[in-house]
N, C-alpha and C. Protein backbone atom coordinates (compact mmCIF):
# COMPACT_ATOMS: atom_id res chain seq x y z
N MET A 1 100.66 150.57 55.55
CA MET A 1 102.04 151.37 56.09
C MET A 1 102.26 150.22 57.25
N PRO A 2 103.68 149.89 57.24
CA PRO A 2 104.38 149.80 58.46
C PRO A 2 103.83 150.12 59.89
N GLN A 3 104.17 148.67 60.37
CA GLN A 3 103.76 149.65 62.19
C GLN A 3 105.16 149.59 62.42
N SER A 4 105.35 150.27 63.43
CA SER A 4 106.50 151.17 64.18
C SER A 4 106.98 149.28 64.65
N ALA A 5 108.05 149.32 65.61
CA ALA A 5 107.97 148.25 66.67
C ALA A 5 107.32 148.17 68.17
N GLU A 6 107.17 149.95 68.33
CA GLU A 6 106.47 149.92 69.78
C GLU A 6 104.80 149.26 69.64
N GLU A 7 104.33 150.30 68.36
CA GLU A 7 103.06 149.81 67.97
C GLU A 7 103.07 147.98 67.70
N ARG A 8 103.78 147.37 67.43
CA ARG A 8 103.54 145.78 67.38
C ARG A 8 103.90 145.63 68.53
N LYS A 9 104.31 146.18 69.48
CA LYS A 9 104.42 145.53 71.11
C LYS A 9 103.30 145.97 71.73
N ALA A 10 102.12 147.31 71.54
CA ALA A 10 101.38 147.81 71.88
C ALA A 10 100.10 146.67 71.48
N ASN A 11 99.67 146.28 70.16
CA ASN A 11 98.63 145.37 69.59
C ASN A 11 99.55 144.28 70.05
N GLU A 12 100.36 143.54 70.74
CA GLU A 12 100.77 141.94 71.20
C GLU A 12 100.06 142.34 72.66
N ALA A 13 100.57 143.30 73.04
CA ALA A 13 100.11 142.90 74.06
C ALA A 13 98.21 143.36 74.59
N ALA A 14 98.02 144.02 73.52
CA ALA A 14 96.76 144.36 73.74
C ALA A 14 95.50 142.72 73.71
N GLN A 15 96.31 141.79 72.44
CA GLN A 15 95.54 140.73 72.15
C GLN A 15 95.67 139.43 73.45
N LYS A 16 96.86 139.88 74.09
CA LYS A 16 97.47 138.49 74.69
C LYS A 16 96.07 139.12 76.32
N ARG A 17 96.19 140.35 76.52
CA ARG A 17 94.96 141.05 77.58
C ARG A 17 93.69 140.41 76.96
N GLU A 18 93.28 140.66 75.92
CA GLU A 18 92.18 140.09 75.38
C GLU A 18 91.85 138.81 75.79
N PHE A 19 93.30 137.66 75.13
CA PHE A 19 92.92 136.43 75.38
C PHE A 19 93.37 135.55 76.67
N ARG A 20 93.53 136.75 77.72
CA ARG A 20 93.31 135.92 79.10
C ARG A 20 92.15 136.19 79.93
N LYS A 21 91.20 137.12 78.91
CA LYS A 21 89.95 137.34 78.79
C LYS A 21 88.65 136.35 78.94
N SER A 22 89.45 135.99 77.70
CA SER A 22 88.51 134.18 77.36
C SER A 22 88.68 133.49 78.20
N PRO A 23 87.24 132.53 78.71
CA PRO A 23 87.51 131.39 79.00
C PRO A 23 88.39 130.37 78.59
N GLU A 24 88.50 130.29 77.54
CA GLU A 24 89.46 129.31 77.28
C GLU A 24 90.75 129.40 77.94
N TYR A 25 91.33 130.26 77.84
CA TYR A 25 92.60 130.85 78.87
C TYR A 25 92.54 130.61 80.38
N ARG A 26 91.21 131.15 80.93
CA ARG A 26 90.92 130.93 82.36
C ARG A 26 90.72 129.41 82.39
N ALA A 27 90.30 128.58 81.63
CA ALA A 27 90.77 127.10 82.04
C ALA A 27 92.13 126.36 81.19
N TRP A 28 92.91 126.95 80.88
CA TRP A 28 93.93 126.47 80.50
C TRP A 28 95.14 126.38 81.82
N ARG A 29 94.56 127.68 82.18
CA ARG A 29 95.51 128.19 83.15
C ARG A 29 94.87 127.32 84.91
N GLU A 30 93.49 127.21 85.15
CA GLU A 30 93.37 126.67 86.00
C GLU A 30 94.27 124.82 85.78
N ALA A 31 93.81 124.13 84.81
CA ALA A 31 94.15 123.07 84.29
C ALA A 31 95.52 122.27 83.60
N ASN A 32 96.40 124.22 84.30
CA ASN A 32 97.62 123.79 84.78
C ASN A 32 98.53 124.80 85.58
N ARG A 33 97.50 124.82 86.81
CA ARG A 33 97.85 125.96 88.06
C ARG A 33 99.84 125.60 88.43
N GLU A 34 99.94 124.28 88.96
CA GLU A 34 100.90 124.02 88.91
C GLU A 34 102.00 123.93 88.30
N ARG A 35 101.65 123.39 86.76
CA ARG A 35 102.71 123.82 86.41
C ARG A 35 103.32 125.58 85.74
N ILE A 36 102.70 126.18 85.40
CA ILE A 36 102.50 127.94 85.80
C ILE A 36 103.54 128.15 87.22
N ASN A 37 103.25 127.67 88.29
CA ASN A 37 103.73 128.03 89.64
C ASN A 37 105.02 127.51 89.62
N GLN A 38 105.13 127.00 89.11
CA GLN A 38 106.30 125.81 89.06
C GLN A 38 107.70 126.88 88.00
N TYR A 39 107.15 127.01 86.54
CA TYR A 39 107.80 128.30 86.40
C TYR A 39 108.31 129.09 87.00
N LYS A 40 107.36 129.85 87.29
CA LYS A 40 106.88 131.27 88.68
C LYS A 40 108.15 131.26 88.59
N ARG A 41 108.45 130.44 89.71
CA ARG A 41 109.21 130.00 90.43
C ARG A 41 111.50 130.09 90.61
N GLU A 42 110.68 128.79 89.33
CA GLU A 42 111.90 128.69 88.48
C GLU A 42 112.07 130.34 87.99
N ARG A 43 111.13 130.71 87.29
CA ARG A 43 112.43 131.82 86.99
C ARG A 43 112.88 133.05 87.24
N ARG A 44 111.70 133.27 89.20
CA ARG A 44 112.64 134.34 89.99
C ARG A 44 113.44 133.56 90.77
N ARG A 45 113.99 131.86 90.75
CA ARG A 45 115.54 131.44 90.88
C ARG A 45 116.68 132.51 90.01
N GLN A 46 116.01 131.59 89.08
CA GLN A 46 117.23 132.09 88.08
C GLN A 46 117.12 133.87 87.89
N ARG A 47 116.58 134.59 87.91
CA ARG A 47 116.79 136.37 88.04
C ARG A 47 117.62 136.16 89.06
N ARG A 48 117.50 135.59 90.72
CA ARG A 48 118.36 135.74 91.72
C ARG A 48 119.76 135.45 90.97
N LEU A 49 119.85 134.83 90.51
CA LEU A 49 121.31 133.95 90.00
C LEU A 49 122.02 134.80 89.10
N THR A 50 121.05 134.89 87.79
CA THR A 50 122.06 136.00 87.33
C THR A 50 121.28 137.51 87.25
N ASP A 51 120.69 137.87 87.76
CA ASP A 51 120.64 139.48 87.54
C ASP A 51 120.74 140.06 89.03
N PRO A 52 122.12 141.10 88.56
CA PRO A 52 122.21 141.11 90.52
C PRO A 52 121.24 142.30 91.01
N ALA A 53 120.24 143.16 89.92
CA ALA A 53 119.79 144.01 90.66
C ALA A 53 118.55 143.55 91.24
N PHE A 54 117.76 142.20 90.38
CA PHE A 54 116.57 141.96 91.41
C PHE A 54 117.15 141.18 92.86
N LYS A 55 118.23 140.36 92.30
CA LYS A 55 118.78 139.35 93.82
C LYS A 55 119.00 140.49 94.93
N ALA A 56 119.38 141.87 94.85
CA ALA A 56 119.51 142.54 95.57
C ALA A 56 118.48 143.41 96.24
N VAL A 57 117.10 143.43 95.49
CA VAL A 57 115.82 144.25 95.62
C VAL A 57 115.39 142.36 96.25
N ALA A 58 115.46 141.30 95.66
CA ALA A 58 115.06 140.29 96.55
C ALA A 58 115.19 140.01 98.17
N ASP A 59 116.79 140.61 98.14
CA ASP A 59 117.78 140.29 99.48
C ASP A 59 117.23 141.80 100.40
N ARG A 60 116.81 142.83 99.82
CA ARG A 60 116.30 143.50 100.64
C ARG A 60 115.19 143.26 101.51
N GLN A 61 114.11 142.52 100.66
CA GLN A 61 112.80 142.14 101.51
C GLN A 61 113.30 141.23 102.33
N VAL A 62 113.66 140.00 101.95
CA VAL A 62 113.87 139.65 102.95
C VAL A 62 114.59 139.44 103.90
N GLU A 63 115.52 140.78 104.69
CA GLU A 63 115.96 141.41 105.55
C GLU A 63 114.99 142.22 106.28
N ARG A 64 114.25 142.77 105.12
CA ARG A 64 112.75 143.39 106.19
C ARG A 64 112.26 142.44 107.08
N MET A 65 111.78 141.37 106.09
CA MET A 65 111.09 140.86 106.69
C MET A 65 111.63 140.12 108.45
N ARG A 66 113.10 140.29 107.85
CA ARG A 66 113.55 139.43 109.56
C ARG A 66 114.10 140.11 110.57
N GLN A 67 113.68 141.55 109.94
CA GLN A 67 113.97 142.19 110.86
C GLN A 67 112.32 142.94 111.54
N SER A 68 111.63 142.51 110.94
CA SER A 68 110.02 142.86 111.29
C SER A 68 109.52 142.18 112.17
N LEU A 69 109.62 140.36 112.14
CA LEU A 69 109.51 139.25 112.62
C LEU A 69 110.73 139.38 113.91
N ALA A 70 111.37 139.96 114.63
CA ALA A 70 112.33 139.66 115.45
C ALA A 70 111.69 141.25 116.35
N THR A 71 111.11 142.11 115.31
CA THR A 71 110.21 143.26 116.68
C THR A 71 109.12 143.09 116.35
N LEU A 72 108.28 142.04 116.40
CA LEU A 72 107.30 141.87 116.48
C LEU A 72 106.42 141.66 117.57
N THR A 73 105.43 142.63 118.07
CA THR A 73 105.25 142.72 118.78
C THR A 73 103.30 142.56 119.18
N PRO A 74 102.46 141.87 119.90
CA PRO A 74 101.42 141.59 119.20
C PRO A 74 100.59 142.71 119.55
N SER A 75 99.22 142.59 119.01
CA SER A 75 98.78 144.42 119.36
C SER A 75 97.85 144.11 120.67
N PRO A 76 97.55 145.14 121.35
CA PRO A 76 96.40 145.17 122.63
C PRO A 76 96.06 144.28 122.60
N SER A 77 94.84 144.46 121.55
CA SER A 77 93.67 143.18 121.59
C SER A 77 94.11 141.49 121.27
N VAL A 78 95.46 141.16 120.99
CA VAL A 78 95.87 140.07 120.35
C VAL A 78 96.60 139.54 122.25
N ALA A 79 97.32 140.49 122.48
CA ALA A 79 98.24 139.83 123.66
C ALA A 79 96.48 140.22 124.91
N HIS A 80 95.58 140.75 125.11
CA HIS A 80 94.06 140.75 125.95
C HIS A 80 94.39 139.21 125.78
N LEU A 81 94.00 138.89 124.04
CA LEU A 81 93.80 137.74 124.46
C LEU A 81 94.38 136.53 124.16
N VAL A 82 95.55 136.27 124.45
CA VAL A 82 96.76 135.07 124.96
C VAL A 82 96.38 135.06 126.37
N ALA A 83 96.76 136.83 126.90
CA ALA A 83 96.39 136.39 128.37
C ALA A 83 94.91 136.08 129.43
N ASP A 84 93.97 136.19 128.52
CA ASP A 84 92.80 135.61 128.57
C ASP A 84 92.76 134.04 128.42
N GLN A 85 93.62 133.40 127.54
CA GLN A 85 93.55 132.15 127.05
C GLN A 85 94.54 131.66 128.31
N GLU A 86 95.29 132.05 128.67
CA GLU A 86 96.28 132.01 129.75
C GLU A 86 96.02 131.32 131.39
N LEU A 87 94.84 132.96 131.48
CA LEU A 87 94.47 133.47 132.60
C LEU A 87 93.81 131.69 132.71
N ARG A 88 92.38 131.31 131.72
CA ARG A 88 91.46 130.19 131.51
C ARG A 88 92.48 129.03 131.77
N HIS A 89 92.84 128.75 130.73
CA HIS A 89 93.66 127.08 131.16
C HIS A 89 94.69 127.32 132.55
N ILE A 90 95.10 128.26 133.44
CA ILE A 90 95.28 128.18 134.77
C ILE A 90 94.02 127.75 135.91
N GLU A 91 93.05 128.66 135.37
CA GLU A 91 91.83 128.59 136.11
C GLU A 91 91.28 126.67 135.36
N ALA A 92 91.40 126.60 135.08
CA ALA A 92 91.19 124.97 134.61
C ALA A 92 91.89 124.23 135.54
N THR A 93 93.71 124.59 135.01
CA THR A 93 94.24 123.33 136.06
C THR A 93 94.02 122.97 137.30
N LEU A 94 93.94 124.62 137.71
CA LEU A 94 93.61 124.64 139.37
C LEU A 94 92.14 123.82 139.97
N TYR A 95 91.02 124.24 138.71
CA TYR A 95 89.41 123.36 138.87
C TYR A 95 90.22 122.33 139.10
N SER A 96 90.46 121.80 138.34
CA SER A 96 90.80 120.18 138.14
C SER A 96 91.73 119.52 139.17
N ARG A 97 92.43 119.85 139.67
CA ARG A 97 93.61 119.58 140.85
C ARG A 97 92.83 119.77 142.24
N GLN A 98 91.80 121.08 142.02
CA GLN A 98 90.53 120.82 143.03
C GLN A 98 89.78 119.81 143.29
N LYS A 99 89.19 119.51 142.05
CA LYS A 99 88.18 118.28 142.18
C LYS A 99 88.86 117.16 142.29
N SER A 100 90.05 116.93 142.46
CA SER A 100 90.79 115.57 142.50
C SER A 100 91.21 115.37 143.64
N LYS A 101 91.74 116.43 143.90
CA LYS A 101 91.42 116.40 145.59
C LYS A 101 90.43 116.38 146.56
N LEU A 102 89.62 117.01 146.19
CA LEU A 102 88.49 116.90 146.55
C LEU A 102 87.47 115.47 146.51
N LYS A 103 87.67 114.73 145.30
CA LYS A 103 87.69 113.56 145.76
C LYS A 103 88.54 112.07 146.48
N LYS A 104 89.42 112.62 146.24
CA LYS A 104 90.98 111.68 147.14
C LYS A 104 90.10 112.08 148.81
N ALA A 105 89.69 113.59 149.28
CA ALA A 105 89.41 113.23 150.60
C ALA A 105 88.41 112.08 150.95
N LEU A 106 87.41 112.57 149.58
CA LEU A 106 86.03 111.93 150.05
C LEU A 106 86.59 110.31 150.02
N MET A 107 86.77 109.51 148.92
CA MET A 107 87.18 107.90 149.26
C MET A 107 88.31 107.68 150.15
N ARG A 108 89.52 108.85 151.00
CA ARG A 108 89.46 108.31 152.50
C ARG A 108 88.92 108.07 153.49
N GLN A 109 87.60 109.57 153.38
CA GLN A 109 86.79 109.36 154.19
C GLN A 109 85.63 108.02 154.63
N CYS A 110 85.21 107.95 153.03
CA CYS A 110 84.70 106.58 153.16
C CYS A 110 85.36 105.24 153.19
N ASP A 111 86.76 105.22 152.93
CA ASP A 111 88.14 103.92 153.39
C ASP A 111 87.61 103.70 154.56
N HIS A 112 87.63 104.85 155.82
CA HIS A 112 87.91 105.28 156.68
C HIS A 112 86.37 105.09 157.96
N LEU A 113 85.50 105.51 157.33
CA LEU A 113 84.12 104.71 157.65
C LEU A 113 83.69 103.51 157.58
N GLY A 114 84.20 102.74 156.07
CA GLY A 114 83.77 100.86 156.49
C GLY A 114 84.05 101.02 154.83
N HIS A 115 84.44 98.89 155.23
CA HIS A 115 84.63 98.53 153.52
C HIS A 115 83.73 97.65 153.86
N ILE A 116 83.21 97.42 152.33
CA ILE A 116 82.43 96.58 151.67
C ILE A 116 82.86 95.26 151.01
N SER A 117 82.51 94.54 151.29
CA SER A 117 83.16 92.78 151.75
C SER A 117 82.40 92.86 149.84
N GLY A 118 83.85 91.66 149.85
CA GLY A 118 83.30 91.03 148.34
C GLY A 118 82.13 90.46 147.94
N ALA A 119 81.72 89.77 149.74
CA ALA A 119 80.40 89.27 149.35
C ALA A 119 78.89 90.05 149.12
N ALA A 120 79.41 90.85 149.72
CA ALA A 120 78.08 91.86 149.79
C ALA A 120 78.23 92.55 148.13
N MET A 121 79.33 92.79 147.66
CA MET A 121 79.22 93.49 146.44
C MET A 121 78.67 92.03 144.93
N ARG A 122 79.53 90.87 145.68
CA ARG A 122 78.35 89.93 144.82
C ARG A 122 76.67 89.65 144.59
N ARG A 123 76.58 89.76 146.12
CA ARG A 123 74.66 89.66 146.62
C ARG A 123 74.35 91.01 145.46
N ARG A 124 75.13 91.91 145.22
CA ARG A 124 74.48 92.65 144.79
C ARG A 124 74.92 92.90 143.35
N TYR A 125 75.12 92.43 142.74
CA TYR A 125 75.31 92.31 141.09
C TYR A 125 74.39 90.69 141.08
N GLN A 126 73.78 90.35 142.03
CA GLN A 126 73.06 89.58 141.52
C GLN A 126 71.99 89.86 141.59
N GLN A 127 71.45 91.02 142.88
CA GLN A 127 70.31 91.51 142.35
C GLN A 127 69.89 92.34 141.30
N PHE A 128 70.84 92.57 140.64
CA PHE A 128 70.91 93.09 139.15
C PHE A 128 70.91 91.78 138.02
N ASP A 129 70.78 91.07 138.39
CA ASP A 129 70.76 89.68 137.45
C ASP A 129 72.48 89.73 136.96
N ASN A 130 73.37 90.32 137.50
CA ASN A 130 75.08 90.36 136.94
C ASN A 130 74.68 91.28 135.31
N ALA A 131 73.85 92.00 135.59
CA ALA A 131 73.16 93.41 134.42
C ALA A 131 73.46 94.26 134.90
N CYS A 132 74.19 95.01 133.58
CA CYS A 132 74.01 96.74 134.25
C CYS A 132 72.45 97.32 134.12
N ALA A 133 72.56 98.10 135.84
CA ALA A 133 71.53 98.20 136.34
C ALA A 133 70.91 99.35 135.47
N TYR A 134 71.64 99.66 134.35
CA TYR A 134 70.57 101.10 133.16
C TYR A 134 70.42 100.72 132.17
N CYS A 135 71.20 100.25 131.29
CA CYS A 135 71.08 99.25 130.03
C CYS A 135 70.14 97.99 129.75
N GLY A 136 70.86 97.48 131.13
CA GLY A 136 70.10 96.07 131.19
C GLY A 136 71.25 95.52 130.88
N HIS A 137 72.50 95.46 129.72
CA HIS A 137 73.42 95.25 129.21
C HIS A 137 73.89 93.47 130.32
N LYS A 138 74.02 92.79 129.84
CA LYS A 138 74.66 91.35 130.22
C LYS A 138 75.85 90.78 129.87
N PRO A 139 77.32 91.18 130.40
CA PRO A 139 78.33 90.51 130.06
C PRO A 139 78.45 88.87 130.00
N ASN A 140 79.41 88.67 129.03
CA ASN A 140 79.89 86.80 129.17
C ASN A 140 80.15 87.02 131.06
N SER A 141 80.44 87.80 131.94
CA SER A 141 80.89 87.43 133.29
C SER A 141 80.92 88.84 133.64
N PRO A 142 80.23 88.90 135.48
CA PRO A 142 80.31 89.76 135.86
C PRO A 142 81.21 90.83 136.33
N LEU A 143 82.70 89.85 135.92
CA LEU A 143 83.96 91.15 136.35
C LEU A 143 83.44 92.15 135.51
N GLU A 144 82.85 91.52 133.68
CA GLU A 144 83.39 93.53 133.09
C GLU A 144 82.25 94.30 133.53
N LEU A 145 81.45 93.97 134.50
CA LEU A 145 80.74 95.47 134.93
C LEU A 145 81.55 96.23 135.94
N GLU A 146 81.30 97.32 136.27
CA GLU A 146 81.93 98.18 137.44
C GLU A 146 81.15 98.26 138.47
N ILE A 147 81.57 99.00 139.12
CA ILE A 147 81.29 99.43 140.64
C ILE A 147 80.81 100.65 139.82
N GLU A 148 78.92 100.98 140.03
CA GLU A 148 78.22 102.86 139.73
C GLU A 148 78.31 102.72 140.97
N HIS A 149 78.48 103.59 141.42
CA HIS A 149 77.96 104.86 142.09
C HIS A 149 76.88 105.99 142.19
N VAL A 150 75.97 106.04 142.18
CA VAL A 150 74.32 106.25 141.51
C VAL A 150 75.42 108.14 141.92
N VAL A 151 74.56 108.24 143.47
CA VAL A 151 75.38 109.97 143.18
C VAL A 151 77.35 109.88 143.37
N ALA A 152 77.78 110.02 142.59
CA ALA A 152 79.39 110.36 142.54
C ALA A 152 79.90 110.51 143.04
N ILE A 153 81.21 110.02 144.30
CA ILE A 153 81.83 110.56 144.78
C ILE A 153 82.22 111.96 144.90
N SER A 154 82.86 112.11 143.43
CA SER A 154 83.26 113.87 143.80
C SER A 154 81.92 114.34 143.89
N ALA A 155 80.62 114.52 143.49
CA ALA A 155 79.50 114.83 143.92
C ALA A 155 79.12 114.77 145.36
N GLY A 156 79.98 114.49 145.84
CA GLY A 156 79.63 114.25 147.94
C GLY A 156 79.06 113.15 148.04
N GLY A 157 78.79 111.74 147.02
CA GLY A 157 78.02 110.50 147.57
C GLY A 157 78.36 109.78 148.25
N PRO A 158 78.01 109.11 149.06
CA PRO A 158 78.55 107.66 149.68
C PRO A 158 78.87 107.07 149.09
N HIS A 159 80.17 106.31 149.90
CA HIS A 159 80.76 104.26 149.52
C HIS A 159 79.92 103.46 149.79
N CYS A 160 79.16 103.16 150.16
CA CYS A 160 78.59 102.39 150.94
C CYS A 160 77.27 101.64 149.39
N LEU A 161 76.48 100.54 149.61
CA LEU A 161 75.44 99.86 149.29
C LEU A 161 74.73 100.45 148.52
N SER A 162 73.69 101.43 150.11
CA SER A 162 73.20 101.90 148.99
C SER A 162 73.59 102.72 148.14
N ASN A 163 74.36 103.29 147.51
CA ASN A 163 74.81 103.68 146.38
C ASN A 163 75.37 103.63 145.26
N ILE A 164 75.36 101.91 145.31
CA ILE A 164 75.89 101.28 144.01
C ILE A 164 74.85 100.72 143.89
N VAL A 165 75.16 100.49 142.16
CA VAL A 165 74.70 99.97 141.64
C VAL A 165 76.08 98.88 140.41
N PRO A 166 75.73 97.73 139.51
CA PRO A 166 76.32 97.30 138.61
C PRO A 166 76.58 97.89 137.33
N ALA A 167 77.63 98.53 136.47
CA ALA A 167 76.99 99.06 135.43
C ALA A 167 77.99 98.30 134.55
N CYS A 168 77.94 98.95 133.14
CA CYS A 168 78.74 98.19 132.19
C CYS A 168 79.64 100.02 131.70
N THR A 169 80.83 99.38 131.53
CA THR A 169 81.66 100.47 130.57
C THR A 169 81.01 101.34 130.33
N SER A 170 80.39 101.39 129.34
CA SER A 170 79.94 102.12 128.34
C SER A 170 78.31 103.39 129.74
N CYS A 171 77.68 102.72 130.00
CA CYS A 171 76.72 103.39 130.73
C CYS A 171 77.71 104.55 131.98
N ASN A 172 78.73 104.20 132.63
CA ASN A 172 79.92 104.49 133.84
C ASN A 172 80.18 105.57 133.18
N THR A 173 80.94 105.44 132.01
CA THR A 173 81.25 106.31 131.55
C THR A 173 80.87 107.77 131.57
N SER A 174 79.72 107.11 130.83
CA SER A 174 79.11 108.53 130.10
C SER A 174 77.98 109.07 131.28
N LYS A 175 77.68 108.46 132.21
CA LYS A 175 76.95 108.92 133.35
C LYS A 175 77.93 110.06 134.05
N ARG A 176 79.10 109.38 134.51
CA ARG A 176 80.15 110.43 135.29
C ARG A 176 79.62 110.93 136.45
N ASN A 177 79.69 111.66 136.64
CA ASN A 177 79.16 112.56 138.12
C ASN A 177 77.72 113.14 137.95
N HIS A 178 77.06 112.93 136.78
CA HIS A 178 75.99 113.82 136.17
C HIS A 178 74.38 113.24 137.22
N PRO A 179 74.13 114.17 137.50
CA PRO A 179 72.73 113.99 138.67
C PRO A 179 71.91 112.37 137.96
N TRP A 180 71.93 111.52 138.33
CA TRP A 180 71.59 109.73 137.85
C TRP A 180 70.35 109.86 136.85
N LEU A 181 68.90 110.26 137.46
CA LEU A 181 67.98 110.54 137.01
C LEU A 181 67.65 111.32 135.75
N LYS A 182 68.56 112.53 135.67
CA LYS A 182 68.54 113.58 134.44
C LYS A 182 69.43 113.23 133.38
N TRP A 183 70.48 112.45 134.19
CA TRP A 183 71.37 111.82 132.82
C TRP A 183 70.31 110.57 132.22
N TYR A 184 70.27 110.05 133.06
CA TYR A 184 69.09 107.92 132.91
C TYR A 184 68.23 108.39 131.88
N LYS A 185 67.03 109.66 132.31
CA LYS A 185 66.00 109.61 131.67
C LYS A 185 66.14 110.04 129.83
N ALA A 186 67.71 110.51 129.69
CA ALA A 186 67.80 111.35 128.75
C ALA A 186 68.08 110.27 127.74
N GLN A 187 68.93 108.71 128.33
CA GLN A 187 69.47 107.72 127.32
C GLN A 187 68.35 106.88 126.67
N PRO A 188 68.40 107.29 125.07
CA PRO A 188 67.13 105.76 124.68
C PRO A 188 66.98 104.74 125.27
N PHE A 189 67.90 103.83 126.57
CA PHE A 189 67.51 102.76 126.40
C PHE A 189 66.97 103.13 128.21
N TYR A 190 66.37 104.30 128.12
CA TYR A 190 65.93 104.32 129.44
C TYR A 190 64.48 103.58 129.96
N SER A 191 64.91 102.95 130.54
CA SER A 191 63.33 101.94 131.35
C SER A 191 62.41 102.21 133.19
N VAL A 192 61.10 102.65 132.40
CA VAL A 192 60.83 102.97 133.76
C VAL A 192 60.47 101.72 134.92
N GLU A 193 60.83 100.81 134.79
CA GLU A 193 60.72 99.17 135.41
C GLU A 193 62.64 99.35 135.83
N ARG A 194 63.07 99.29 134.99
CA ARG A 194 64.78 99.35 135.62
C ARG A 194 64.83 100.86 136.85
N ARG A 195 64.41 101.66 135.65
CA ARG A 195 64.51 102.50 137.65
C ARG A 195 63.90 102.36 138.55
N ARG A 196 62.69 102.08 138.28
CA ARG A 196 61.88 101.76 140.15
C ARG A 196 62.62 100.63 140.74
N LYS A 197 63.32 99.65 139.66
CA LYS A 197 64.08 99.09 140.41
C LYS A 197 64.92 98.71 141.26
N ILE A 198 65.92 99.85 140.63
CA ILE A 198 66.96 100.89 140.99
C ILE A 198 67.20 101.56 142.42
N GLU A 199 65.68 102.22 142.50
CA GLU A 199 65.56 103.25 143.16
C GLU A 199 64.60 102.15 144.63
N HIS A 200 64.59 101.21 144.38
CA HIS A 200 63.62 100.20 145.52
C HIS A 200 64.90 99.43 146.53
N ILE A 201 65.78 98.93 145.39
CA ILE A 201 66.63 98.39 146.19
C ILE A 201 68.11 99.19 146.62
N LEU A 202 68.15 100.07 146.38
CA LEU A 202 68.63 101.94 146.90
C LEU A 202 67.94 101.78 148.29
N SER A 203 66.76 102.12 147.71
CA SER A 203 66.20 102.66 149.01
C SER A 203 66.30 101.63 150.31
N THR A 204 65.79 100.50 150.66
CA THR A 204 65.89 99.13 150.90
C THR A 204 67.51 98.64 151.33
N THR A 205 68.03 99.40 151.18
CA THR A 205 69.86 98.85 151.48
C THR A 205 69.87 99.79 152.47
N PRO A 206 70.46 98.66 154.15
CA PRO A 206 70.92 98.77 154.95
C PRO A 206 72.39 100.15 154.71
N TYR A 207 72.73 100.84 155.30
CA TYR A 207 73.59 101.44 154.88
C TYR A 207 74.19 102.57 156.42
N PRO A 208 75.41 101.78 157.16
CA PRO A 208 76.10 102.56 158.25
C PRO A 208 75.64 103.60 158.65
N ALA A 209 75.26 103.62 160.70
CA ALA A 209 74.98 104.69 160.71
C ALA A 209 75.90 106.42 160.87
N LYS A 210 77.24 105.53 160.40
CA LYS A 210 77.98 106.40 160.07
C LYS A 210 78.61 107.46 159.23
N GLN A 211 77.74 106.75 158.04
CA GLN A 211 77.18 107.60 156.47
C GLN A 211 75.84 108.04 156.45
N LEU A 212 75.34 108.32 157.51
CA LEU A 212 74.54 109.10 157.52
C LEU A 212 74.73 110.37 157.17
N ASP A 213 75.85 111.31 157.47
CA ASP A 213 76.13 112.60 156.89
C ASP A 213 76.51 112.34 155.42
N LEU A 214 77.07 111.94 154.93
CA LEU A 214 77.21 111.85 153.47
C LEU A 214 76.28 111.82 152.41
N LEU A 215 75.08 111.22 153.06
CA LEU A 215 74.57 110.71 152.18
C LEU A 215 73.38 111.75 151.92
N PRO A 216 72.88 111.30 150.43
CA PRO A 216 72.29 112.72 149.89
C PRO A 216 70.86 112.99 149.98
N THR A 217 70.15 113.72 149.88
CA THR A 217 69.04 113.47 149.85
C THR A 217 68.56 113.01 148.60
N TRP A 218 67.79 111.84 148.73
CA TRP A 218 67.07 111.26 148.25
C TRP A 218 66.09 110.81 147.62
N VAL A 219 65.44 112.53 147.53
CA VAL A 219 64.83 113.01 146.81
C VAL A 219 65.00 113.31 145.06
N LEU A 220 66.48 113.17 144.80
CA LEU A 220 66.82 113.00 143.46
C LEU A 220 66.56 111.94 142.69
N LEU A 221 65.69 111.44 143.30
CA LEU A 221 65.16 109.22 143.32
C LEU A 221 64.16 109.77 142.46
N ALA A 222 63.47 110.75 143.04
CA ALA A 222 62.26 111.15 142.60
C ALA A 222 61.95 111.07 141.53
């Protein structure tokens, strides 16, 4: 008995469903994913151009999305998160500004208390063999070394020879305003010999009497 048109369609649909469950079909879809998506996009585009009903539905969806975006307001939890992020940004900005002002004020105070001559700085470099006091790196020229405040100016350290050693750019950048001994002991190039040399040279360096109130407690060197 021949099948009716409805029965043939039902059988074809069942066969398609079974085929789509097969590993072969899944592998084919995976290999042709972009091609399939392109076909679907083109089919939708053609329907919008030729099918008034489809175009009307698509236009309504687009309009609803536009209205939703125009009236979108964050939920209380999201609004709180945004406000909290803005507050942290403001606090960080204010802290950075205050820290910068403090550093500039300390530098002005240090400049007022005394100037370190170029000759004195050259002698200090020579005491460390024109090498980095921390890692021992010796550049081609002493000019490549940087003036390093053992106790950072921003942390209250004085601008005097009893707080200055030569350092390479890498060490100076890494140390920043960290407590020098804690930072130094954590470095792979830490040397007891170089540490003792730093302590000895700094502790035996005369410093201006006016800077006594700026000097940190040298127990940091212990």
